[in-house]
């Protein structure tokens, strides 16, 4: 699925969270799950896809990612819990 997407990965319920943007969410989330790319998400074990939002354009997705990253942790947690209160892994929703 090639589609601009913003996503949030977590280490667990209300654990460490990572926000990213990609044009290939299935591949990118798989990379996080397998820790195949070094970085923040692998260092802090953020392997659970807890939130994502699909966009029409990469420009729109990047703009939204910046907005989310600029927000507080509380706002990110509320964003997640509004659609995924149990913090379940949403990876299967992408496939």
C-alpha atoms as a PDB file:
ATOM      1  CA  UNK A   1       0.000   0.000   0.000  1.00  0.00           C
ATOM      2  CA  UNK A   2       1.690   3.192  -1.174  1.00  0.00           C
ATOM      3  CA  UNK A   3      -0.221   5.891   0.645  1.00  0.00           C
ATOM      4  CA  UNK A   4       0.984   8.919   2.648  1.00  0.00           C
ATOM      5  CA  UNK A   5       0.365   8.118   6.276  1.00  0.00           C
ATOM      6  CA  UNK A   6       1.192   9.426   9.740  1.00  0.00           C
ATOM      7  CA  UNK A   7       1.553   6.817  12.429  1.00  0.00           C
ATOM      8  CA  UNK A   8       2.301   6.398  16.112  1.00  0.00           C
ATOM      9  CA  UNK A   9       4.242   3.421  17.435  1.00  0.00           C
ATOM     10  CA  UNK A  10       4.381   2.601  21.149  1.00  0.00           C
ATOM     11  CA  UNK A  11       6.374   0.385  23.474  1.00  0.00           C
ATOM     12  CA  UNK A  12       3.166  -0.518  25.333  1.00  0.00           C
ATOM     13  CA  UNK A  13       0.082   1.052  26.860  1.00  0.00           C
ATOM     14  CA  UNK A  14       1.009   4.635  27.764  1.00  0.00           C
ATOM     15  CA  UNK A  15       4.665   3.759  27.226  1.00  0.00           C
ATOM     16  CA  UNK A  16       7.205   5.434  24.986  1.00  0.00           C
ATOM     17  CA  UNK A  17       5.668   6.728  21.764  1.00  0.00           C
ATOM     18  CA  UNK A  18       7.130   7.573  18.374  1.00  0.00           C
ATOM     19  CA  UNK A  19       5.408   9.589  15.652  1.00  0.00           C
ATOM     20  CA  UNK A  20       6.419   9.195  12.022  1.00  0.00           C
ATOM     21  CA  UNK A  21       5.337   9.763   8.435  1.00  0.00           C
ATOM     22  CA  UNK A  22       5.779   7.466   5.438  1.00  0.00           C
ATOM     23  CA  UNK A  23       4.515   6.766   1.937  1.00  0.00           C
ATOM     24  CA  UNK A  24       4.680   2.994   2.549  1.00  0.00           C
ATOM     25  CA  UNK A  25       3.095   2.302   5.953  1.00  0.00           C
ATOM     26  CA  UNK A  26       3.121  -1.502   5.717  1.00  0.00           C
ATOM     27  CA  UNK A  27       6.852  -1.598   5.028  1.00  0.00           C
ATOM     28  CA  UNK A  28       7.744   1.109   7.551  1.00  0.00           C
ATOM     29  CA  UNK A  29       5.717  -0.354  10.413  1.00  0.00           C
ATOM     30  CA  UNK A  30       7.189  -3.792   9.662  1.00  0.00           C
ATOM     31  CA  UNK A  31      10.665  -2.251   9.929  1.00  0.00           C
ATOM     32  CA  UNK A  32       9.763  -0.829  13.353  1.00  0.00           C
ATOM     33  CA  UNK A  33       8.303  -4.142  14.510  1.00  0.00           C
ATOM     34  CA  UNK A  34      11.460  -6.010  13.472  1.00  0.00           C
ATOM     35  CA  UNK A  35      13.850  -3.266  14.690  1.00  0.00           C
ATOM     36  CA  UNK A  36      15.542  -3.512  11.304  1.00  0.00           C
ATOM     37  CA  UNK A  37      16.339   0.226  11.195  1.00  0.00           C
ATOM     38  CA  UNK A  38      18.320   1.859  13.978  1.00  0.00           C
ATOM     39  CA  UNK A  39      16.811   4.908  15.622  1.00  0.00           C
ATOM     40  CA  UNK A  40      14.542   6.138  18.381  1.00  0.00           C
ATOM     41  CA  UNK A  41      11.793   3.565  17.823  1.00  0.00           C
ATOM     42  CA  UNK A  42      14.157   0.586  17.947  1.00  0.00           C
ATOM     43  CA  UNK A  43      16.144   2.011  20.879  1.00  0.00           C
ATOM     44  CA  UNK A  44      12.975   2.420  22.968  1.00  0.00           C
ATOM     45  CA  UNK A  45      11.229  -0.738  21.713  1.00  0.00           C
ATOM     46  CA  UNK A  46       8.324   1.054  19.989  1.00  0.00           C
ATOM     47  CA  UNK A  47       6.902  -1.917  18.083  1.00  0.00           C
ATOM     48  CA  UNK A  48       3.125  -1.549  18.461  1.00  0.00           C
ATOM     49  CA  UNK A  49       1.194   0.467  15.877  1.00  0.00           C
ATOM     50  CA  UNK A  50      -1.382   2.261  18.045  1.00  0.00           C
ATOM     51  CA  UNK A  51      -2.613   5.011  15.700  1.00  0.00           C
ATOM     52  CA  UNK A  52      -2.442   5.998  12.040  1.00  0.00           C
ATOM     53  CA  UNK A  53      -4.015   8.497   9.696  1.00  0.00           C
ATOM     54  CA  UNK A  54      -4.022   8.242   5.889  1.00  0.00           C
ATOM     55  CA  UNK A  55      -3.597  11.382   3.750  1.00  0.00           C
ATOM     56  CA  UNK A  56      -4.101  12.263   0.103  1.00  0.00           C
ATOM     57  CA  UNK A  57      -0.684  13.877  -0.274  1.00  0.00           C
ATOM     58  CA  UNK A  58       2.717  13.628   1.372  1.00  0.00           C
ATOM     59  CA  UNK A  59       2.687  17.408   1.864  1.00  0.00           C
ATOM     60  CA  UNK A  60      -0.502  17.134   3.914  1.00  0.00           C
ATOM     61  CA  UNK A  61       0.856  14.174   5.872  1.00  0.00           C
ATOM     62  CA  UNK A  62       4.092  15.986   6.737  1.00  0.00           C
ATOM     63  CA  UNK A  63       2.169  19.062   7.837  1.00  0.00           C
ATOM     64  CA  UNK A  64      -0.041  16.953  10.109  1.00  0.00           C
ATOM     65  CA  UNK A  65       2.981  15.061  11.491  1.00  0.00           C
ATOM     66  CA  UNK A  66       4.602  18.362  12.484  1.00  0.00           C
ATOM     67  CA  UNK A  67       1.369  19.430  14.176  1.00  0.00           C
ATOM     68  CA  UNK A  68       1.193  16.186  16.164  1.00  0.00           C
ATOM     69  CA  UNK A  69       4.882  16.258  17.118  1.00  0.00           C
ATOM     70  CA  UNK A  70       4.518  19.859  18.332  1.00  0.00           C
ATOM     71  CA  UNK A  71       1.723  18.811  20.674  1.00  0.00           C
ATOM     72  CA  UNK A  72       2.153  17.576  24.216  1.00  0.00           C
ATOM     73  CA  UNK A  73       2.404  13.932  25.234  1.00  0.00           C
ATOM     74  CA  UNK A  74      -1.087  14.247  26.748  1.00  0.00           C
ATOM     75  CA  UNK A  75      -2.478  15.337  23.361  1.00  0.00           C
ATOM     76  CA  UNK A  76      -0.805  12.370  21.658  1.00  0.00           C
ATOM     77  CA  UNK A  77      -2.208   9.967  24.253  1.00  0.00           C
ATOM     78  CA  UNK A  78      -5.692  11.456  23.787  1.00  0.00           C
ATOM     79  CA  UNK A  79      -5.341  11.112  20.012  1.00  0.00           C
ATOM     80  CA  UNK A  80      -4.486   7.427  20.437  1.00  0.00           C
ATOM     81  CA  UNK A  81      -7.131   6.669  23.046  1.00  0.00           C
ATOM     82  CA  UNK A  82      -9.931   8.327  21.052  1.00  0.00           C
ATOM     83  CA  UNK A  83      -9.666   5.560  18.450  1.00  0.00           C
ATOM     84  CA  UNK A  84      -7.728   2.857  20.287  1.00  0.00           C
ATOM     85  CA  UNK A  85      -8.459   2.980  24.044  1.00  0.00           C
ATOM     86  CA  UNK A  86      -6.919  -0.456  24.621  1.00  0.00           C
ATOM     87  CA  UNK A  87      -3.714   0.419  22.718  1.00  0.00           C
ATOM     88  CA  UNK A  88      -4.140  -2.677  20.560  1.00  0.00           C
ATOM     89  CA  UNK A  89      -1.712  -3.289  17.708  1.00  0.00           C
ATOM     90  CA  UNK A  90      -3.353  -1.966  14.521  1.00  0.00           C
ATOM     91  CA  UNK A  91      -0.819  -3.463  12.109  1.00  0.00           C
ATOM     92  CA  UNK A  92      -3.358  -5.949  10.716  1.00  0.00           C
ATOM     93  CA  UNK A  93      -5.569  -2.972   9.781  1.00  0.00           C
ATOM     94  CA  UNK A  94      -2.902  -1.869   7.307  1.00  0.00           C
ATOM     95  CA  UNK A  95      -2.634  -5.179   5.507  1.00  0.00           C
END
